[in-house]
Amino acid sequence: MQWNILHRTHYAYEMAVRDSFNEVRLKPVTNEHQRTENFLLKIQPACKLRHYEDLYHNWVHHFDIPEPHTSLTIESQCQVTTLFQALPLDAMPADLARLEECARSERCFDFLQASEYVDPDPEVWRLAVDITHGCTDIWQASVAIMRYVHAQLTYTPLSTHVHTHMREVLQQRQGVCQDFAHVMLGLCRSIRIPALYVSGYLAVENASATHAWVEVFIPDIGWRALDPTHNRTADESYIKLAVGRDYSDVQPVRGRYRGNTKWSMQVEVQIEPVKS
């Protein structure tokens, strides 16, 4: 499946600001599940763009605007081909005993630890053990956790913010896709299932923002996606931007500046299938 994607973020400042430095993770990754055919990033005011690949192989563009400015627009346009091969929800590809292999793997290490918004503490561990009671397979345990998170949390826009920790989400039992993902990450990691955070897009009608879901590691297969917000595996309608330990590693736009603190932000996302 091919998709055209437009992502525009516009900041308006009440008074001129300066020395703005920004990082953006808006170029979709290319791997066995998807291919970025083309990508264009525009910044206004005009500035010089640089880029690098981070620790988790995400594309990071960065730029600075030292001159005074009253607005900032960041616009990305890209075309992506998705090639997802979903693992069936009833599959049983790897016994739980093989988690010991994952714990010894360098590619899994970071995704078994606590992170800024995820804490696999003893209470979370007890909950995860109860949820996965009777499971003998890594994938089946992960699916059980996904289904629990989907059933127990209520999707409630504006009930949390980007810095909300998973402990708060478990207490109030509501949140948005980012929060669903963080809770699932904590539950998986607490029983030693490697789990990472995915930032991307879900190509559905009226999509207006980025989406978040989870990937778990299955020996001999690799990373496979589960979406606790929608209680499903990822398919060709999911477009991956970046991965990390949690949201703090993958923010689509992150920056700082000198000047007044009164500002507003508007985000626009358009996703359309490429017509053959």
C-alpha atoms as a PDB file:
ATOM      1  CA  MET A   1       0.000   0.000   0.000  1.00  0.00           C
ATOM      2  CA  GLN A   2       1.299   3.463  -0.865  1.00  0.00           C
ATOM      3  CA  TRP A   3       0.501   6.622   1.088  1.00  0.00           C
ATOM      4  CA  ASN A   4       1.019  10.360   0.604  1.00  0.00           C
ATOM      5  CA  ILE A   5       1.497  12.108   3.945  1.00  0.00           C
ATOM      6  CA  LEU A   6       1.530  15.796   4.840  1.00  0.00           C
ATOM      7  CA  HIS A   7       2.433  16.801   8.397  1.00  0.00           C
ATOM      8  CA  ARG A   8       2.420  20.498   9.257  1.00  0.00           C
ATOM      9  CA  THR A   9       3.164  22.017  12.685  1.00  0.00           C
ATOM     10  CA  HIS A  10       2.743  25.783  13.117  1.00  0.00           C
ATOM     11  CA  TYR A  11       3.841  27.771  16.169  1.00  0.00           C
ATOM     12  CA  ALA A  12       2.718  31.357  16.739  1.00  0.00           C
ATOM     13  CA  TYR A  13       4.434  33.472  19.418  1.00  0.00           C
ATOM     14  CA  GLU A  14       2.830  36.472  21.108  1.00  0.00           C
ATOM     15  CA  MET A  15       6.117  38.363  20.830  1.00  0.00           C
ATOM     16  CA  ALA A  16       9.246  37.710  18.797  1.00  0.00           C
ATOM     17  CA  VAL A  17      11.501  34.894  20.039  1.00  0.00           C
ATOM     18  CA  ARG A  18      15.070  34.021  19.038  1.00  0.00           C
ATOM     19  CA  ASP A  19      17.763  31.344  19.300  1.00  0.00           C
ATOM     20  CA  SER A  20      15.301  28.599  18.428  1.00  0.00           C
ATOM     21  CA  PHE A  21      16.836  25.111  18.223  1.00  0.00           C
ATOM     22  CA  ASN A  22      14.735  22.179  17.076  1.00  0.00           C
ATOM     23  CA  GLU A  23      14.895  18.455  16.352  1.00  0.00           C
ATOM     24  CA  VAL A  24      12.293  16.654  14.261  1.00  0.00           C
ATOM     25  CA  ARG A  25      11.689  12.956  13.692  1.00  0.00           C
ATOM     26  CA  LEU A  26       9.351  13.144  10.717  1.00  0.00           C
ATOM     27  CA  LYS A  27      11.068  11.019   8.070  1.00  0.00           C
ATOM     28  CA  PRO A  28       9.514   7.522   8.154  1.00  0.00           C
ATOM     29  CA  VAL A  29      11.963   4.676   8.641  1.00  0.00           C
ATOM     30  CA  THR A  30      12.811   2.255   5.855  1.00  0.00           C
ATOM     31  CA  ASN A  31      12.947  -1.404   6.860  1.00  0.00           C
ATOM     32  CA  GLU A  32      11.424  -4.765   5.971  1.00  0.00           C
ATOM     33  CA  HIS A  33       7.928  -3.438   6.769  1.00  0.00           C
ATOM     34  CA  GLN A  34       7.942  -0.147   4.874  1.00  0.00           C
ATOM     35  CA  ARG A  35       9.883   1.936   2.370  1.00  0.00           C
ATOM     36  CA  THR A  36      10.100   5.721   2.188  1.00  0.00           C
ATOM     37  CA  GLU A  37       9.948   6.601  -1.499  1.00  0.00           C
ATOM     38  CA  ASN A  38      10.536  10.351  -1.119  1.00  0.00           C
ATOM     39  CA  PHE A  39      10.670  12.916   1.665  1.00  0.00           C
ATOM     40  CA  LEU A  40      10.709  16.725   1.749  1.00  0.00           C
ATOM     41  CA  LEU A  41      11.051  18.864   4.867  1.00  0.00           C
ATOM     42  CA  LYS A  42      10.322  22.617   4.739  1.00  0.00           C
ATOM     43  CA  ILE A  43      11.012  25.110   7.521  1.00  0.00           C
ATOM     44  CA  GLN A  44       9.758  28.691   7.683  1.00  0.00           C
ATOM     45  CA  PRO A  45      11.613  30.967   8.474  1.00  0.00           C
ATOM     46  CA  ALA A  46      14.108  29.440   6.061  1.00  0.00           C
ATOM     47  CA  CYS A  47      17.178  27.908   7.671  1.00  0.00           C
ATOM     48  CA  LYS A  48      19.892  25.315   7.104  1.00  0.00           C
ATOM     49  CA  LEU A  49      18.871  21.718   7.819  1.00  0.00           C
ATOM     50  CA  ARG A  50      21.196  19.025   9.114  1.00  0.00           C
ATOM     51  CA  HIS A  51      20.453  15.412   9.909  1.00  0.00           C
ATOM     52  CA  TYR A  52      21.823  12.341  11.656  1.00  0.00           C
ATOM     53  CA  GLU A  53      20.737   8.811  12.602  1.00  0.00           C
ATOM     54  CA  ASP A  54      20.129   8.320  16.327  1.00  0.00           C
ATOM     55  CA  LEU A  55      20.864   5.343  18.581  1.00  0.00           C
ATOM     56  CA  TYR A  56      17.664   3.592  17.479  1.00  0.00           C
ATOM     57  CA  HIS A  57      18.253   4.249  13.744  1.00  0.00           C
ATOM     58  CA  ASN A  58      15.658   7.019  13.500  1.00  0.00           C
ATOM     59  CA  TRP A  59      16.194   9.910  11.080  1.00  0.00           C
ATOM     60  CA  VAL A  60      16.656  13.153  13.037  1.00  0.00           C
ATOM     61  CA  HIS A  61      16.706  16.546  11.304  1.00  0.00           C
ATOM     62  CA  HIS A  62      17.820  19.562  13.334  1.00  0.00           C
ATOM     63  CA  PHE A  63      18.029  23.281  12.704  1.00  0.00           C
ATOM     64  CA  ASP A  64      18.449  26.571  14.525  1.00  0.00           C
ATOM     65  CA  ILE A  65      17.008  30.036  13.910  1.00  0.00           C
ATOM     66  CA  PRO A  66      19.022  32.684  15.790  1.00  0.00           C
ATOM     67  CA  GLU A  67      17.134  35.674  14.327  1.00  0.00           C
ATOM     68  CA  PRO A  68      13.957  37.049  15.977  1.00  0.00           C
ATOM     69  CA  HIS A  69      10.750  35.491  14.604  1.00  0.00           C
ATOM     70  CA  THR A  70       7.080  35.455  15.573  1.00  0.00           C
ATOM     71  CA  SER A  71       6.140  32.128  13.986  1.00  0.00           C
ATOM     72  CA  LEU A  72       7.639  28.786  13.024  1.00  0.00           C
ATOM     73  CA  THR A  73       6.235  26.310  10.511  1.00  0.00           C
ATOM     74  CA  ILE A  74       7.585  22.783  10.095  1.00  0.00           C
ATOM     75  CA  GLU A  75       6.120  20.867   7.155  1.00  0.00           C
ATOM     76  CA  SER A  76       7.012  17.395   5.939  1.00  0.00           C
ATOM     77  CA  GLN A  77       5.738  15.686   2.800  1.00  0.00           C
ATOM     78  CA  CYS A  78       6.501  12.078   1.962  1.00  0.00           C
ATOM     79  CA  GLN A  79       5.360   9.012   0.108  1.00  0.00           C
ATOM     80  CA  VAL A  80       5.632   5.663   1.878  1.00  0.00           C
ATOM     81  CA  THR A  81       5.026   2.089   0.786  1.00  0.00           C
ATOM     82  CA  THR A  82       3.940  -0.235   3.604  1.00  0.00           C
ATOM     83  CA  LEU A  83       4.662  -3.948   3.460  1.00  0.00           C
ATOM     84  CA  PHE A  84       3.531  -5.208   6.870  1.00  0.00           C
ATOM     85  CA  GLN A  85       3.457  -8.944   7.502  1.00  0.00           C
ATOM     86  CA  ALA A  86       1.288  -9.191  10.590  1.00  0.00           C
ATOM     87  CA  LEU A  87       1.696 -12.065  13.030  1.00  0.00           C
ATOM     88  CA  PRO A  88      -1.736 -13.657  13.660  1.00  0.00           C
ATOM     89  CA  LEU A  89      -3.111 -12.976  17.127  1.00  0.00           C
ATOM     90  CA  ASP A  90      -3.493 -16.720  17.779  1.00  0.00           C
ATOM     91  CA  ALA A  91       0.086 -17.591  16.758  1.00  0.00           C
ATOM     92  CA  MET A  92       2.399 -19.280  19.264  1.00  0.00           C
ATOM     93  CA  PRO A  93       5.896 -18.749  17.830  1.00  0.00           C
ATOM     94  CA  ALA A  94       8.135 -18.745  20.936  1.00  0.00           C
ATOM     95  CA  ASP A  95       7.949 -20.281  24.416  1.00  0.00           C
ATOM     96  CA  LEU A  96       8.220 -17.917  27.376  1.00  0.00           C
ATOM     97  CA  ALA A  97      11.379 -19.753  28.445  1.00  0.00           C
ATOM     98  CA  ARG A  98      13.138 -18.099  25.501  1.00  0.00           C
ATOM     99  CA  LEU A  99      12.912 -14.709  27.215  1.00  0.00           C
ATOM    100  CA  GLU A 100      16.290 -15.549  28.730  1.00  0.00           C
ATOM    101  CA  GLU A 101      17.734 -15.275  25.215  1.00  0.00           C
ATOM    102  CA  CYS A 102      16.191 -11.827  24.841  1.00  0.00           C
ATOM    103  CA  ALA A 103      17.685 -10.655  28.130  1.00  0.00           C
ATOM    104  CA  ARG A 104      21.155 -11.502  26.794  1.00  0.00           C
ATOM    105  CA  SER A 105      20.601  -9.739  23.467  1.00  0.00           C
ATOM    106  CA  GLU A 106      22.086  -6.276  22.953  1.00  0.00           C
ATOM    107  CA  ARG A 107      19.201  -5.294  20.666  1.00  0.00           C
ATOM    108  CA  CYS A 108      16.707  -5.919  23.479  1.00  0.00           C
ATOM    109  CA  PHE A 109      18.558  -4.466  26.482  1.00  0.00           C
ATOM    110  CA  ASP A 110      17.215  -0.888  26.389  1.00  0.00           C
ATOM    111  CA  PHE A 111      13.665  -2.144  25.915  1.00  0.00           C
ATOM    112  CA  LEU A 112      13.678  -4.177  29.127  1.00  0.00           C
ATOM    113  CA  GLN A 113      14.539  -1.216  31.367  1.00  0.00           C
ATOM    114  CA  ALA A 114      12.613   1.546  33.081  1.00  0.00           C
ATOM    115  CA  SER A 115      12.514   4.793  31.076  1.00  0.00           C
ATOM    116  CA  GLU A 116      11.256   8.335  31.548  1.00  0.00           C
ATOM    117  CA  TYR A 117       7.536   7.513  31.342  1.00  0.00           C
ATOM    118  CA  VAL A 118       7.639   3.757  31.963  1.00  0.00           C
ATOM    119  CA  ASP A 119       8.334   2.037  35.281  1.00  0.00           C
ATOM    120  CA  PRO A 120       8.017  -1.774  35.568  1.00  0.00           C
ATOM    121  CA  ASP A 121       7.854  -1.688  39.376  1.00  0.00           C
ATOM    122  CA  PRO A 122       6.722  -4.595  41.651  1.00  0.00           C
ATOM    123  CA  GLU A 123       3.055  -3.579  41.536  1.00  0.00           C
ATOM    124  CA  VAL A 124       3.133  -3.516  37.746  1.00  0.00           C
ATOM    125  CA  TRP A 125       4.900  -6.895  37.771  1.00  0.00           C
ATOM    126  CA  ARG A 126       2.173  -8.427  39.953  1.00  0.00           C
ATOM    127  CA  LEU A 127      -0.497  -7.092  37.612  1.00  0.00           C
ATOM    128  CA  ALA A 128       1.331  -8.442  34.553  1.00  0.00           C
ATOM    129  CA  VAL A 129       1.713 -11.879  36.161  1.00  0.00           C
ATOM    130  CA  ASP A 130      -2.043 -11.987  36.807  1.00  0.00           C
ATOM    131  CA  ILE A 131      -2.849 -10.864  33.254  1.00  0.00           C
ATOM    132  CA  THR A 132      -0.619 -13.501  31.646  1.00  0.00           C
ATOM    133  CA  HIS A 133      -1.485 -16.390  33.994  1.00  0.00           C
ATOM    134  CA  GLY A 134      -1.653 -19.581  31.952  1.00  0.00           C
ATOM    135  CA  CYS A 135       0.260 -18.146  28.968  1.00  0.00           C
ATOM    136  CA  THR A 136       3.231 -20.206  27.801  1.00  0.00           C
ATOM    137  CA  ASP A 137       4.139 -18.210  24.691  1.00  0.00           C
ATOM    138  CA  ILE A 138       5.774 -14.762  24.409  1.00  0.00           C
ATOM    139  CA  TRP A 139       3.399 -13.539  21.722  1.00  0.00           C
ATOM    140  CA  GLN A 140       0.325 -14.827  23.544  1.00  0.00           C
ATOM    141  CA  ALA A 141       1.445 -13.124  26.761  1.00  0.00           C
ATOM    142  CA  SER A 142       1.910  -9.879  24.816  1.00  0.00           C
ATOM    143  CA  VAL A 143      -1.529 -10.199  23.220  1.00  0.00           C
ATOM    144  CA  ALA A 144      -3.078 -10.799  26.668  1.00  0.00           C
ATOM    145  CA  ILE A 145      -1.449  -7.595  27.945  1.00  0.00           C
ATOM    146  CA  MET A 146      -2.646  -5.635  24.914  1.00  0.00           C
ATOM    147  CA  ARG A 147      -6.203  -6.844  25.442  1.00  0.00           C
ATOM    148  CA  TYR A 148      -6.079  -5.958  29.137  1.00  0.00           C
ATOM    149  CA  VAL A 149      -4.848  -2.408  28.444  1.00  0.00           C
ATOM    150  CA  HIS A 150      -7.502  -1.911  25.782  1.00  0.00           C
ATOM    151  CA  ALA A 151     -10.260  -3.164  28.087  1.00  0.00           C
ATOM    152  CA  GLN A 152      -9.185  -1.327  31.237  1.00  0.00           C
ATOM    153  CA  LEU A 153      -8.292   2.104  29.863  1.00  0.00           C
ATOM    154  CA  THR A 154     -10.776   4.537  28.370  1.00  0.00           C
ATOM    155  CA  TYR A 155      -9.647   6.607  25.416  1.00  0.00           C
ATOM    156  CA  THR A 156     -10.270  10.189  26.577  1.00  0.00           C
ATOM    157  CA  PRO A 157      -8.789  13.095  24.582  1.00  0.00           C
ATOM    158  CA  LEU A 158      -7.130  15.853  26.658  1.00  0.00           C
ATOM    159  CA  SER A 159      -7.241  13.713  29.839  1.00  0.00           C
ATOM    160  CA  THR A 160      -3.427  13.592  29.939  1.00  0.00           C
ATOM    161  CA  HIS A 161      -0.469  15.493  28.495  1.00  0.00           C
ATOM    162  CA  VAL A 162       2.753  14.471  26.758  1.00  0.00           C
ATOM    163  CA  HIS A 163       4.624  14.206  30.073  1.00  0.00           C
ATOM    164  CA  THR A 164       2.109  11.937  31.851  1.00  0.00           C
ATOM    165  CA  HIS A 165       3.754   8.875  33.455  1.00  0.00           C
ATOM    166  CA  MET A 166       2.241   5.402  33.090  1.00  0.00           C
ATOM    167  CA  ARG A 167       1.618   5.260  36.878  1.00  0.00           C
ATOM    168  CA  GLU A 168      -0.800   8.188  36.581  1.00  0.00           C
ATOM    169  CA  VAL A 169      -2.549   6.524  33.658  1.00  0.00           C
ATOM    170  CA  LEU A 170      -3.036   3.288  35.624  1.00  0.00           C
ATOM    171  CA  GLN A 171      -4.514   5.293  38.504  1.00  0.00           C
ATOM    172  CA  GLN A 172      -6.992   7.307  36.456  1.00  0.00           C
ATOM    173  CA  ARG A 173      -7.715   4.538  33.904  1.00  0.00           C
ATOM    174  CA  GLN A 174      -7.904   6.882  30.941  1.00  0.00           C
ATOM    175  CA  GLY A 175      -5.658   8.508  28.407  1.00  0.00           C
ATOM    176  CA  VAL A 176      -4.733   8.690  24.726  1.00  0.00           C
ATOM    177  CA  CYS A 177      -2.731   6.400  22.456  1.00  0.00           C
ATOM    178  CA  GLN A 178       0.591   7.482  23.972  1.00  0.00           C
ATOM    179  CA  ASP A 179      -0.668   6.460  27.423  1.00  0.00           C
ATOM    180  CA  PHE A 180      -2.031   3.111  26.231  1.00  0.00           C
ATOM    181  CA  ALA A 181       1.398   2.382  24.758  1.00  0.00           C
ATOM    182  CA  HIS A 182       3.274   3.393  27.927  1.00  0.00           C
ATOM    183  CA  VAL A 183       1.125   1.163  30.146  1.00  0.00           C
ATOM    184  CA  MET A 184       1.599  -1.792  27.808  1.00  0.00           C
ATOM    185  CA  LEU A 185       5.357  -1.174  27.751  1.00  0.00           C
ATOM    186  CA  GLY A 186       5.542  -1.239  31.544  1.00  0.00           C
ATOM    187  CA  LEU A 187       3.520  -4.448  31.815  1.00  0.00           C
ATOM    188  CA  CYS A 188       5.568  -6.229  29.142  1.00  0.00           C
ATOM    189  CA  ARG A 189       8.949  -5.136  30.496  1.00  0.00           C
ATOM    190  CA  SER A 190       8.005  -6.097  34.045  1.00  0.00           C
ATOM    191  CA  ILE A 191       7.857  -9.775  33.006  1.00  0.00           C
ATOM    192  CA  ARG A 192      10.948  -9.401  30.783  1.00  0.00           C
ATOM    193  CA  ILE A 193       9.239  -9.157  27.397  1.00  0.00           C
ATOM    194  CA  PRO A 194      11.289  -6.644  25.342  1.00  0.00           C
ATOM    195  CA  ALA A 195       8.929  -3.877  24.234  1.00  0.00           C
ATOM    196  CA  LEU A 196       9.536  -0.599  22.413  1.00  0.00           C
ATOM    197  CA  TYR A 197       7.472   2.508  21.697  1.00  0.00           C
ATOM    198  CA  VAL A 198       6.508   3.355  18.104  1.00  0.00           C
ATOM    199  CA  SER A 199       5.563   6.804  16.839  1.00  0.00           C
ATOM    200  CA  GLY A 200       3.829   6.983  13.500  1.00  0.00           C
ATOM    201  CA  TYR A 201       0.592   7.417  11.622  1.00  0.00           C
ATOM    202  CA  LEU A 202      -2.543   5.331  11.339  1.00  0.00           C
ATOM    203  CA  ALA A 203      -4.150   5.908   7.956  1.00  0.00           C
ATOM    204  CA  VAL A 204      -7.783   6.190   8.956  1.00  0.00           C
ATOM    205  CA  GLU A 205     -10.478   8.634   7.922  1.00  0.00           C
ATOM    206  CA  ASN A 206     -10.034  12.061   9.537  1.00  0.00           C
ATOM    207  CA  ALA A 207      -6.548  11.279  10.858  1.00  0.00           C
ATOM    208  CA  SER A 208      -5.317  14.530  12.399  1.00  0.00           C
ATOM    209  CA  ALA A 209      -2.273  13.614  14.463  1.00  0.00           C
ATOM    210  CA  THR A 210       0.422  11.018  14.992  1.00  0.00           C
ATOM    211  CA  HIS A 211      -0.377   7.650  16.554  1.00  0.00           C
ATOM    212  CA  ALA A 212       1.505   5.434  19.013  1.00  0.00           C
ATOM    213  CA  TRP A 213       1.715   1.679  19.444  1.00  0.00           C
ATOM    214  CA  VAL A 214       4.072  -1.027  20.742  1.00  0.00           C
ATOM    215  CA  GLU A 215       6.411  -3.620  19.268  1.00  0.00           C
ATOM    216  CA  VAL A 216       7.506  -6.726  21.180  1.00  0.00           C
ATOM    217  CA  PHE A 217      10.489  -8.899  20.353  1.00  0.00           C
ATOM    218  CA  ILE A 218       9.923 -12.535  19.355  1.00  0.00           C
ATOM    219  CA  PRO A 219      13.005 -14.794  19.011  1.00  0.00           C
ATOM    220  CA  ASP A 220      13.631 -15.969  15.420  1.00  0.00           C
ATOM    221  CA  ILE A 221      11.015 -13.497  14.147  1.00  0.00           C
ATOM    222  CA  GLY A 222      12.016 -10.044  15.396  1.00  0.00           C
ATOM    223  CA  TRP A 223       9.906  -7.047  16.404  1.00  0.00           C
ATOM    224  CA  ARG A 224       6.153  -7.352  15.869  1.00  0.00           C
ATOM    225  CA  ALA A 225       3.552  -4.661  16.434  1.00  0.00           C
ATOM    226  CA  LEU A 226       0.509  -4.529  18.706  1.00  0.00           C
ATOM    227  CA  ASP A 227      -1.798  -1.531  19.076  1.00  0.00           C
ATOM    228  CA  PRO A 228      -3.443  -1.446  22.534  1.00  0.00           C
ATOM    229  CA  THR A 229      -5.551   1.586  21.624  1.00  0.00           C
ATOM    230  CA  HIS A 230      -7.347  -0.378  18.892  1.00  0.00           C
ATOM    231  CA  ASN A 231      -6.757  -3.916  20.233  1.00  0.00           C
ATOM    232  CA  ARG A 232      -5.144  -5.185  17.034  1.00  0.00           C
ATOM    233  CA  THR A 233      -1.915  -5.939  15.213  1.00  0.00           C
ATOM    234  CA  ALA A 234      -0.446  -3.421  12.814  1.00  0.00           C
ATOM    235  CA  ASP A 235      -1.182  -3.770   9.110  1.00  0.00           C
ATOM    236  CA  GLU A 236      -0.497  -1.775   5.950  1.00  0.00           C
ATOM    237  CA  SER A 237      -2.401   1.234   7.304  1.00  0.00           C
ATOM    238  CA  TYR A 238       0.315   1.817   9.938  1.00  0.00           C
ATOM    239  CA  ILE A 239       3.259   4.036   8.956  1.00  0.00           C
ATOM    240  CA  LYS A 240       6.229   4.057  11.337  1.00  0.00           C
ATOM    241  CA  LEU A 241       8.140   7.288  11.997  1.00  0.00           C
ATOM    242  CA  ALA A 242      10.467   6.388  14.855  1.00  0.00           C
ATOM    243  CA  VAL A 243      11.025   3.976  17.743  1.00  0.00           C
ATOM    244  CA  GLY A 244      12.443   4.336  21.235  1.00  0.00           C
ATOM    245  CA  ARG A 245      12.104   3.447  24.895  1.00  0.00           C
ATOM    246  CA  ASP A 246       9.067   5.726  25.255  1.00  0.00           C
ATOM    247  CA  TYR A 247       7.662   9.001  23.927  1.00  0.00           C
ATOM    248  CA  SER A 248      10.672  10.994  25.145  1.00  0.00           C
ATOM    249  CA  ASP A 249      12.854   9.278  22.512  1.00  0.00           C
ATOM    250  CA  VAL A 250      10.573   9.826  19.526  1.00  0.00           C
ATOM    251  CA  GLN A 251       8.870  13.221  19.776  1.00  0.00           C
ATOM    252  CA  PRO A 252       8.039  14.287  16.193  1.00  0.00           C
ATOM    253  CA  VAL A 253       9.000  17.882  17.020  1.00  0.00           C
ATOM    254  CA  ARG A 254      11.082  19.011  19.980  1.00  0.00           C
ATOM    255  CA  GLY A 255      12.760  22.354  20.546  1.00  0.00           C
ATOM    256  CA  ARG A 256      13.613  25.318  22.717  1.00  0.00           C
ATOM    257  CA  TYR A 257      14.007  29.053  22.257  1.00  0.00           C
ATOM    258  CA  ARG A 258      14.671  32.350  24.068  1.00  0.00           C
ATOM    259  CA  GLY A 259      11.783  34.735  24.593  1.00  0.00           C
ATOM    260  CA  ASN A 260       8.225  34.933  25.886  1.00  0.00           C
ATOM    261  CA  THR A 261       6.375  31.817  27.007  1.00  0.00           C
ATOM    262  CA  LYS A 262       3.023  32.665  25.416  1.00  0.00           C
ATOM    263  CA  TRP A 263       2.551  30.675  22.232  1.00  0.00           C
ATOM    264  CA  SER A 264       0.047  28.544  20.370  1.00  0.00           C
ATOM    265  CA  MET A 265       0.458  25.457  18.215  1.00  0.00           C
ATOM    266  CA  GLN A 266      -1.578  23.956  15.395  1.00  0.00           C
ATOM    267  CA  VAL A 267      -0.921  20.498  13.942  1.00  0.00           C
ATOM    268  CA  GLU A 268      -2.312  19.248  10.643  1.00  0.00           C
ATOM    269  CA  VAL A 269      -1.900  15.705   9.303  1.00  0.00           C
ATOM    270  CA  GLN A 270      -3.228  14.524   5.933  1.00  0.00           C
ATOM    271  CA  ILE A 271      -2.877  10.887   4.823  1.00  0.00           C
ATOM    272  CA  GLU A 272      -4.134   9.741   1.442  1.00  0.00           C
ATOM    273  CA  PRO A 273      -3.642   6.500  -0.490  1.00  0.00           C
ATOM    274  CA  VAL A 274      -1.689   6.828  -3.720  1.00  0.00           C
ATOM    275  CA  LYS A 275      -4.008   6.293  -6.641  1.00  0.00           C
ATOM    276  CA  SER A 276      -2.802   3.645  -9.059  1.00  0.00           C
END
